[in-house]
Amino acid sequence: MVRMQVQLSEQQVEMLRGRAAREHASVSELVRRAVNAWIGNQPETSPSERCRRAIEATGRFASDKQDVAERHDEYLADAFGQ
């Protein structure tokens, strides 16, 4: 196994410790289970499939903005309300 350092919120740690105690498992074991469950739910896509999807998306969206290439960071921040 590979040792990793992960930062969690206090609430996440409390919840993990409580569940670990109830399940008689370590926090590390619960994290490994969660990662495996997440990985198992991710669809496998090949590089060629990702490329095909990217090409398919090209030109599908329009904007009245003429300066998106120069100001994309500003527009993105505005879209997320920052």
C-alpha atoms as a PDB file:
ATOM      1  CA  MET A   1       0.000   0.000   0.000  1.00  0.00           C
ATOM      2  CA  VAL A   2       0.986   3.610  -0.496  1.00  0.00           C
ATOM      3  CA  ARG A   3       0.834   6.011   2.431  1.00  0.00           C
ATOM      4  CA  MET A   4      -0.920   9.307   1.652  1.00  0.00           C
ATOM      5  CA  GLN A   5      -1.763  12.404   3.587  1.00  0.00           C
ATOM      6  CA  VAL A   6      -5.318  13.699   3.120  1.00  0.00           C
ATOM      7  CA  GLN A   7      -6.878  16.723   4.754  1.00  0.00           C
ATOM      8  CA  LEU A   8     -10.476  16.420   5.935  1.00  0.00           C
ATOM      9  CA  SER A   9     -12.781  18.770   7.780  1.00  0.00           C
ATOM     10  CA  GLU A  10     -13.404  18.259  11.491  1.00  0.00           C
ATOM     11  CA  GLN A  11     -16.947  17.148  10.705  1.00  0.00           C
ATOM     12  CA  GLN A  12     -15.740  14.577   8.172  1.00  0.00           C
ATOM     13  CA  VAL A  13     -13.260  13.150  10.667  1.00  0.00           C
ATOM     14  CA  GLU A  14     -15.896  12.934  13.415  1.00  0.00           C
ATOM     15  CA  MET A  15     -18.307  11.150  11.087  1.00  0.00           C
ATOM     16  CA  LEU A  16     -15.620   8.764   9.854  1.00  0.00           C
ATOM     17  CA  ARG A  17     -14.459   7.909  13.363  1.00  0.00           C
ATOM     18  CA  GLY A  18     -18.022   7.268  14.494  1.00  0.00           C
ATOM     19  CA  ARG A  19     -18.752   5.014  11.561  1.00  0.00           C
ATOM     20  CA  ALA A  20     -15.423   3.222  11.941  1.00  0.00           C
ATOM     21  CA  ALA A  21     -16.255   2.472  15.569  1.00  0.00           C
ATOM     22  CA  ARG A  22     -19.715   1.175  14.649  1.00  0.00           C
ATOM     23  CA  GLU A  23     -18.312  -1.042  11.888  1.00  0.00           C
ATOM     24  CA  HIS A  24     -15.238  -2.152  13.872  1.00  0.00           C
ATOM     25  CA  ALA A  25     -13.019  -0.900  11.053  1.00  0.00           C
ATOM     26  CA  SER A  26     -10.265   1.665  10.762  1.00  0.00           C
ATOM     27  CA  VAL A  27     -10.811   5.098   9.281  1.00  0.00           C
ATOM     28  CA  SER A  28      -8.279   4.136   6.602  1.00  0.00           C
ATOM     29  CA  GLU A  29     -10.353   1.087   5.668  1.00  0.00           C
ATOM     30  CA  LEU A  30     -13.474   3.217   5.300  1.00  0.00           C
ATOM     31  CA  VAL A  31     -11.602   5.686   3.103  1.00  0.00           C
ATOM     32  CA  ARG A  32     -10.313   2.829   0.914  1.00  0.00           C
ATOM     33  CA  ARG A  33     -13.864   1.459   0.585  1.00  0.00           C
ATOM     34  CA  ALA A  34     -15.198   4.895  -0.367  1.00  0.00           C
ATOM     35  CA  VAL A  35     -12.477   5.383  -2.978  1.00  0.00           C
ATOM     36  CA  ASN A  36     -13.164   1.933  -4.445  1.00  0.00           C
ATOM     37  CA  ALA A  37     -16.898   2.663  -4.596  1.00  0.00           C
ATOM     38  CA  TRP A  38     -16.265   5.997  -6.310  1.00  0.00           C
ATOM     39  CA  ILE A  39     -13.840   4.494  -8.818  1.00  0.00           C
ATOM     40  CA  GLY A  40     -16.297   1.693  -9.550  1.00  0.00           C
ATOM     41  CA  ASN A  41     -19.022   4.216 -10.387  1.00  0.00           C
ATOM     42  CA  GLN A  42     -16.901   6.128 -12.888  1.00  0.00           C
ATOM     43  CA  PRO A  43     -17.470   5.241 -16.522  1.00  0.00           C
ATOM     44  CA  GLU A  44     -14.365   4.113 -18.349  1.00  0.00           C
ATOM     45  CA  THR A  45     -13.650   6.266 -21.388  1.00  0.00           C
ATOM     46  CA  SER A  46     -10.791   5.737 -23.759  1.00  0.00           C
ATOM     47  CA  PRO A  47      -8.631   8.621 -24.951  1.00  0.00           C
ATOM     48  CA  SER A  48     -10.171   8.298 -28.418  1.00  0.00           C
ATOM     49  CA  GLU A  49     -13.690   8.507 -26.919  1.00  0.00           C
ATOM     50  CA  ARG A  50     -12.759  11.628 -24.944  1.00  0.00           C
ATOM     51  CA  CYS A  51     -11.291  13.154 -28.106  1.00  0.00           C
ATOM     52  CA  ARG A  52     -14.439  12.313 -30.080  1.00  0.00           C
ATOM     53  CA  ARG A  53     -16.622  13.956 -27.415  1.00  0.00           C
ATOM     54  CA  ALA A  54     -14.461  17.078 -27.364  1.00  0.00           C
ATOM     55  CA  ILE A  55     -14.604  17.415 -31.132  1.00  0.00           C
ATOM     56  CA  GLU A  56     -18.369  16.844 -31.056  1.00  0.00           C
ATOM     57  CA  ALA A  57     -18.789  19.667 -28.530  1.00  0.00           C
ATOM     58  CA  THR A  58     -16.816  22.128 -30.657  1.00  0.00           C
ATOM     59  CA  GLY A  59     -19.009  24.931 -31.915  1.00  0.00           C
ATOM     60  CA  ARG A  60     -22.124  23.797 -30.018  1.00  0.00           C
ATOM     61  CA  PHE A  61     -22.181  26.824 -27.751  1.00  0.00           C
ATOM     62  CA  ALA A  62     -22.484  30.463 -28.677  1.00  0.00           C
ATOM     63  CA  SER A  63     -22.063  33.733 -26.872  1.00  0.00           C
ATOM     64  CA  ASP A  64     -22.663  37.334 -27.715  1.00  0.00           C
ATOM     65  CA  LYS A  65     -19.247  38.085 -26.220  1.00  0.00           C
ATOM     66  CA  GLN A  66     -16.466  38.803 -28.660  1.00  0.00           C
ATOM     67  CA  ASP A  67     -13.595  38.746 -26.158  1.00  0.00           C
ATOM     68  CA  VAL A  68     -14.022  35.385 -24.430  1.00  0.00           C
ATOM     69  CA  ALA A  69     -10.546  34.203 -25.402  1.00  0.00           C
ATOM     70  CA  GLU A  70      -8.969  37.180 -23.627  1.00  0.00           C
ATOM     71  CA  ARG A  71     -11.330  37.507 -20.622  1.00  0.00           C
ATOM     72  CA  HIS A  72     -12.362  33.890 -19.956  1.00  0.00           C
ATOM     73  CA  ASP A  73     -11.210  33.996 -16.320  1.00  0.00           C
ATOM     74  CA  GLU A  74     -13.370  37.045 -15.596  1.00  0.00           C
ATOM     75  CA  TYR A  75     -16.419  35.494 -17.253  1.00  0.00           C
ATOM     76  CA  LEU A  76     -15.929  32.252 -15.334  1.00  0.00           C
ATOM     77  CA  ALA A  77     -15.621  34.104 -12.016  1.00  0.00           C
ATOM     78  CA  ASP A  78     -18.813  36.045 -12.837  1.00  0.00           C
ATOM     79  CA  ALA A  79     -20.639  32.813 -13.687  1.00  0.00           C
ATOM     80  CA  PHE A  80     -19.708  31.354 -10.292  1.00  0.00           C
ATOM     81  CA  GLY A  81     -20.567  34.590  -8.488  1.00  0.00           C
ATOM     82  CA  GLN A  82     -17.050  35.371  -7.323  1.00  0.00           C
END
